[in-house]
Amino acid sequence: MRVAAGQPSATLTFRNSQRLTSPDATTFQRTTADTRPLVQLRLRGATGTLSDDAYVYAEAGATPGVDAQYDAVKLPNSNGLNLSMAAAGQQLAINGLPAFTTGTTVPLSVGVPAAGAYALQVAQLLNLPAGTAAVLVDTQLGTRTDLAALPAAGYAFSVTSAQAAALLTGRFFLNLAAAAPLATAAGRATATLQLYPNPAHGGAATLTGALPGTAVTVMDALGRTVVTATADAAGTAALALPASLPAGVYVVRAGTRAVKLTVE
């Protein structure tokens, strides 16, 4: 310990007996509960105990870009198991955003050492704004999974040898969306969702087989909403596709079910 010139010397001693060698509930620095919105995701392999976490949270003063005071750049693990978030050309392990809104989309990057089965788990899901749900978007399978309803085992997925050869990007996104209301009506047999024309060539498309009154949403590969509609009493929803909609594969979601839409 250094002291100013002319001041008496002092010694600060740390004894070995003062070290913590087992988990301890001692609170360091923060004396009150953190009220900031936070999503902590964890990447695991199907076997073994290795894992890697990524954090995204809301912080006043943060930006969607890379902020030295709020973000942490991802340092790749030598074991090849890596979970990160893309922002302004960087891969981040911790990503501070100015706010969590229903339009927030965070691209996830997955690195794995080999082809096989893996899972994305929720380690923490805290303080989301009222009416907001954190959704995991899988563009490869066309699924949207509410993280609050994800089982402890997590979201299982597989990676091919070709996908494992480089950082896997463009497949998974964390999307903050309006929370879907819980059903209160008695259950009934659910019809199969059907969409026509499919492929569509711009203009309109029609979805059938939805539950009456269900909100129907067309989303792009980033999980962004393109078109919304409401199913009528017959379970049919007319989707007015913008003439400028780029060609590609979209997901049409009605409640907890989804179907792919191809636009040519």
Protein backbone atom coordinates (compact mmCIF):
# COMPACT_ATOMS: atom_id res chain seq x y z
CA MET A 1 0.00 0.00 0.00
CA ARG A 2 1.56 3.35 -1.02
CA VAL A 3 1.35 6.43 1.18
CA ALA A 4 2.09 10.08 0.50
CA ALA A 5 5.57 11.37 1.23
CA GLY A 6 5.98 12.50 4.80
CA GLN A 7 3.08 10.37 6.05
CA PRO A 8 3.59 7.44 8.42
CA SER A 9 3.72 4.08 6.67
CA ALA A 10 0.83 1.65 6.92
CA THR A 11 0.38 -2.02 6.20
CA LEU A 12 -2.79 -3.66 4.97
CA THR A 13 -2.78 -7.39 5.57
CA PHE A 14 -5.08 -9.98 3.99
CA ARG A 15 -4.97 -13.29 5.84
CA ASN A 16 -5.57 -16.62 4.19
CA SER A 17 -8.35 -17.32 6.70
CA GLN A 18 -10.31 -14.36 5.27
CA ARG A 19 -10.59 -15.89 1.82
CA LEU A 20 -13.94 -17.22 0.63
CA THR A 21 -13.51 -20.82 -0.51
CA SER A 22 -17.17 -21.80 -0.86
CA PRO A 23 -20.34 -20.11 -2.22
CA ASP A 24 -21.33 -17.18 -0.04
CA ALA A 25 -24.41 -14.96 -0.03
CA THR A 26 -22.49 -11.82 0.90
CA THR A 27 -23.74 -8.77 -1.04
CA PHE A 28 -20.94 -6.75 -2.61
CA GLN A 29 -21.46 -3.06 -3.42
CA ARG A 30 -25.17 -3.25 -4.30
CA THR A 31 -27.36 -3.01 -1.18
CA THR A 32 -30.76 -2.99 -2.90
CA ALA A 33 -32.36 -5.18 -5.55
CA ASP A 34 -31.49 -4.35 -9.15
CA THR A 35 -34.55 -2.97 -10.93
CA ARG A 36 -33.06 -2.93 -14.42
CA PRO A 37 -34.55 -5.26 -17.07
CA LEU A 38 -32.17 -8.17 -17.67
CA VAL A 39 -32.05 -11.30 -19.83
CA GLN A 40 -29.25 -13.78 -19.19
CA LEU A 41 -29.00 -16.61 -21.71
CA ARG A 42 -26.84 -19.72 -21.38
CA LEU A 43 -25.48 -21.98 -24.12
CA ARG A 44 -24.91 -25.62 -23.17
CA GLY A 45 -23.94 -28.81 -24.93
CA ALA A 46 -26.10 -31.91 -24.70
CA THR A 47 -23.41 -33.55 -22.55
CA GLY A 48 -20.81 -32.26 -20.12
CA THR A 49 -20.89 -29.29 -17.78
CA LEU A 50 -19.41 -26.57 -19.99
CA SER A 51 -21.56 -23.51 -20.66
CA ASP A 52 -21.28 -19.92 -21.79
CA ASP A 53 -23.51 -16.97 -20.86
CA ALA A 54 -24.52 -13.71 -22.51
CA TYR A 55 -26.25 -10.77 -20.83
CA VAL A 56 -28.47 -8.04 -22.24
CA TYR A 57 -29.92 -5.36 -19.96
CA ALA A 58 -31.44 -1.88 -20.06
CA GLU A 59 -29.42 1.03 -18.72
CA ALA A 60 -30.07 4.76 -18.92
CA GLY A 61 -27.38 6.34 -21.10
CA ALA A 62 -26.55 3.18 -23.04
CA THR A 63 -26.89 3.06 -26.85
CA PRO A 64 -27.59 0.24 -29.33
CA GLY A 65 -23.92 0.47 -30.34
CA VAL A 66 -20.84 -0.47 -28.34
CA ASP A 67 -20.45 1.53 -25.11
CA ALA A 68 -17.22 1.06 -23.16
CA GLN A 69 -18.95 1.85 -19.86
CA TYR A 70 -21.95 -0.46 -20.39
CA ASP A 71 -20.83 -3.31 -22.67
CA ALA A 72 -18.20 -6.04 -22.61
CA VAL A 73 -16.60 -7.39 -25.76
CA LYS A 74 -16.77 -11.17 -26.11
CA LEU A 75 -13.51 -13.02 -25.48
CA PRO A 76 -13.84 -16.41 -27.21
CA ASN A 77 -13.53 -19.51 -25.06
CA SER A 78 -10.83 -21.95 -26.08
CA ASN A 79 -13.28 -24.84 -25.65
CA GLY A 80 -15.27 -23.53 -28.63
CA LEU A 81 -18.55 -22.99 -26.76
CA ASN A 82 -19.42 -19.32 -27.23
CA LEU A 83 -22.60 -17.23 -26.97
CA SER A 84 -22.50 -13.55 -27.90
CA MET A 85 -24.51 -10.68 -29.37
CA ALA A 86 -23.70 -8.72 -32.51
CA ALA A 87 -23.58 -4.92 -32.21
CA ALA A 88 -21.92 -2.46 -34.57
CA GLY A 89 -19.57 -5.08 -36.01
CA GLN A 90 -18.53 -6.37 -32.57
CA GLN A 91 -19.43 -9.50 -30.64
CA LEU A 92 -20.50 -8.68 -27.07
CA ALA A 93 -20.80 -10.84 -23.96
CA ILE A 94 -22.63 -8.06 -22.09
CA ASN A 95 -24.89 -5.71 -24.02
CA GLY A 96 -26.41 -2.60 -22.43
CA LEU A 97 -29.37 -1.09 -24.29
CA PRO A 98 -31.11 2.25 -23.67
CA ALA A 99 -34.48 0.55 -23.01
CA PHE A 100 -36.46 -2.64 -23.52
CA THR A 101 -39.36 -1.99 -25.90
CA THR A 102 -41.58 -4.21 -28.02
CA GLY A 103 -39.40 -3.35 -31.00
CA THR A 104 -36.08 -4.43 -29.48
CA THR A 105 -34.28 -7.15 -31.46
CA VAL A 106 -30.87 -8.54 -30.43
CA PRO A 107 -28.98 -10.79 -32.91
CA LEU A 108 -27.42 -13.80 -31.17
CA SER A 109 -24.22 -15.50 -32.32
CA VAL A 110 -23.55 -19.13 -31.43
CA GLY A 111 -20.18 -20.82 -31.57
CA VAL A 112 -19.87 -24.56 -30.95
CA PRO A 113 -16.85 -26.89 -31.16
CA ALA A 114 -18.52 -29.62 -33.22
CA ALA A 115 -21.73 -30.77 -34.84
CA GLY A 116 -24.31 -32.10 -32.41
CA ALA A 117 -27.11 -31.20 -30.01
CA TYR A 118 -27.08 -28.02 -27.94
CA ALA A 119 -29.52 -25.94 -25.88
CA LEU A 120 -30.16 -22.28 -25.07
CA GLN A 121 -31.33 -21.82 -21.48
CA VAL A 122 -32.65 -18.90 -19.45
CA ALA A 123 -30.37 -18.18 -16.50
CA GLN A 124 -32.16 -14.95 -15.50
CA LEU A 125 -35.23 -13.09 -16.76
CA LEU A 126 -35.80 -10.02 -14.61
CA ASN A 127 -37.86 -6.83 -14.53
CA LEU A 128 -39.31 -6.92 -18.04
CA PRO A 129 -41.64 -3.96 -18.74
CA ALA A 130 -45.32 -4.71 -18.17
CA GLY A 131 -46.92 -6.32 -21.21
CA THR A 132 -43.56 -7.28 -22.72
CA ALA A 133 -42.31 -10.79 -23.41
CA ALA A 134 -38.76 -11.92 -24.22
CA VAL A 135 -38.97 -14.23 -27.25
CA LEU A 136 -36.31 -16.49 -28.76
CA VAL A 137 -36.62 -16.48 -32.55
CA ASP A 138 -35.22 -19.43 -34.52
CA THR A 139 -35.30 -18.43 -38.18
CA GLN A 140 -34.12 -21.85 -39.37
CA LEU A 141 -37.12 -23.66 -37.89
CA GLY A 142 -39.47 -20.68 -38.03
CA THR A 143 -40.28 -20.78 -34.31
CA ARG A 144 -40.84 -18.14 -31.66
CA THR A 145 -40.50 -19.25 -28.02
CA ASP A 146 -41.50 -17.18 -25.01
CA LEU A 147 -38.51 -17.42 -22.65
CA ALA A 148 -40.77 -17.17 -19.61
CA ALA A 149 -42.35 -20.50 -20.62
CA LEU A 150 -39.08 -22.22 -21.54
CA PRO A 151 -38.43 -25.41 -19.51
CA ALA A 152 -35.26 -25.75 -17.43
CA ALA A 153 -33.70 -27.94 -20.11
CA GLY A 154 -33.89 -24.98 -22.47
CA TYR A 155 -34.48 -24.66 -26.21
CA ALA A 156 -32.88 -27.69 -27.89
CA PHE A 157 -31.35 -27.36 -31.35
CA SER A 158 -28.83 -29.15 -33.51
CA VAL A 159 -25.84 -27.89 -35.47
CA THR A 160 -24.42 -29.49 -38.61
CA SER A 161 -20.73 -29.86 -39.37
CA ALA A 162 -20.91 -27.01 -41.87
CA GLN A 163 -22.58 -24.71 -39.33
CA ALA A 164 -20.05 -25.60 -36.65
CA ALA A 165 -17.15 -24.58 -38.88
CA ALA A 166 -17.75 -20.88 -38.16
CA LEU A 167 -19.69 -18.61 -35.84
CA LEU A 168 -23.40 -19.29 -36.40
CA THR A 169 -25.16 -15.99 -37.06
CA GLY A 170 -28.54 -15.06 -38.54
CA ARG A 171 -30.39 -18.00 -36.98
CA PHE A 172 -31.21 -16.89 -33.42
CA PHE A 173 -32.56 -13.55 -32.25
CA LEU A 174 -33.80 -12.24 -28.92
CA ASN A 175 -36.96 -10.32 -29.69
CA LEU A 176 -38.97 -8.26 -27.19
CA ALA A 177 -42.63 -8.39 -28.16
CA ALA A 178 -46.04 -7.65 -26.71
CA ALA A 179 -46.97 -10.40 -24.27
CA ALA A 180 -49.77 -12.67 -25.53
CA PRO A 181 -52.79 -12.90 -23.22
CA LEU A 182 -53.53 -16.21 -21.54
CA ALA A 183 -56.54 -18.10 -22.92
CA THR A 184 -59.60 -18.14 -20.67
CA ALA A 185 -62.10 -19.88 -22.96
CA ALA A 186 -62.70 -23.62 -22.85
CA GLY A 187 -60.37 -25.57 -25.09
CA ARG A 188 -61.47 -27.00 -28.41
CA ALA A 189 -59.99 -28.93 -31.27
CA THR A 190 -57.51 -26.76 -33.16
CA ALA A 191 -57.60 -26.66 -36.95
CA THR A 192 -54.41 -26.78 -38.97
CA LEU A 193 -53.12 -23.38 -40.05
CA GLN A 194 -53.29 -22.94 -43.81
CA LEU A 195 -51.97 -20.05 -45.85
CA TYR A 196 -52.70 -19.21 -49.48
CA PRO A 197 -51.37 -18.28 -51.88
CA ASN A 198 -48.04 -19.63 -50.67
CA PRO A 199 -45.67 -18.72 -52.25
CA ALA A 200 -47.16 -15.25 -52.45
CA HIS A 201 -46.20 -12.68 -55.07
CA GLY A 202 -47.11 -9.54 -53.15
CA GLY A 203 -50.55 -8.14 -52.46
CA ALA A 204 -52.68 -10.23 -50.11
CA ALA A 205 -52.53 -13.64 -48.47
CA THR A 206 -55.18 -15.40 -46.39
CA LEU A 207 -54.64 -17.45 -43.25
CA THR A 208 -57.25 -19.99 -42.12
CA GLY A 209 -57.45 -22.29 -39.13
CA ALA A 210 -56.74 -19.68 -36.43
CA LEU A 211 -58.87 -19.34 -33.31
CA PRO A 212 -61.45 -16.53 -33.63
CA GLY A 213 -60.11 -13.22 -32.40
CA THR A 214 -56.49 -14.40 -32.46
CA ALA A 215 -53.84 -11.79 -33.29
CA VAL A 216 -52.00 -12.81 -36.45
CA THR A 217 -48.52 -11.44 -37.12
CA VAL A 218 -46.22 -11.67 -40.12
CA MET A 219 -42.56 -11.41 -39.12
CA ASP A 220 -39.33 -11.24 -41.08
CA ALA A 221 -36.16 -13.25 -40.39
CA LEU A 222 -35.10 -10.75 -37.71
CA GLY A 223 -38.34 -11.18 -35.80
CA ARG A 224 -39.61 -7.75 -36.83
CA THR A 225 -43.34 -7.30 -37.38
CA VAL A 226 -44.32 -6.69 -41.01
CA VAL A 227 -48.11 -7.06 -40.95
CA THR A 228 -50.71 -7.65 -38.24
CA ALA A 229 -54.33 -8.76 -38.50
CA THR A 230 -57.04 -10.36 -36.38
CA ALA A 231 -58.76 -13.64 -37.17
CA ASP A 232 -62.51 -13.28 -37.70
CA ALA A 233 -65.26 -15.48 -36.26
CA ALA A 234 -64.43 -18.18 -38.82
CA GLY A 235 -60.73 -18.17 -37.89
CA THR A 236 -59.69 -16.42 -41.10
CA ALA A 237 -57.31 -13.47 -41.32
CA ALA A 238 -56.65 -11.37 -44.42
CA LEU A 239 -52.99 -10.31 -44.59
CA ALA A 240 -52.29 -7.16 -46.63
CA LEU A 241 -48.68 -7.67 -47.73
CA PRO A 242 -46.86 -4.47 -48.74
CA ALA A 243 -46.03 -4.31 -52.44
CA SER A 244 -42.45 -3.42 -51.45
CA LEU A 245 -42.01 -6.51 -49.26
CA PRO A 246 -38.64 -8.12 -50.19
CA ALA A 247 -38.63 -11.70 -51.45
CA GLY A 248 -37.77 -14.25 -48.79
CA VAL A 249 -39.17 -16.50 -46.08
CA TYR A 250 -41.42 -15.03 -43.40
CA VAL A 251 -43.18 -16.47 -40.35
CA VAL A 252 -46.93 -16.03 -39.87
CA ARG A 253 -47.85 -16.54 -36.23
CA ALA A 254 -51.34 -17.04 -34.80
CA GLY A 255 -51.28 -17.44 -31.04
CA THR A 256 -48.82 -20.22 -30.19
CA ARG A 257 -48.79 -21.67 -33.72
CA ALA A 258 -46.87 -20.58 -36.78
CA VAL A 259 -46.55 -21.30 -40.50
CA LYS A 260 -43.94 -20.23 -43.03
CA LEU A 261 -44.76 -17.81 -45.82
CA THR A 262 -42.59 -17.55 -48.91
CA VAL A 263 -42.67 -14.28 -50.84
CA GLU A 264 -41.37 -14.34 -54.43
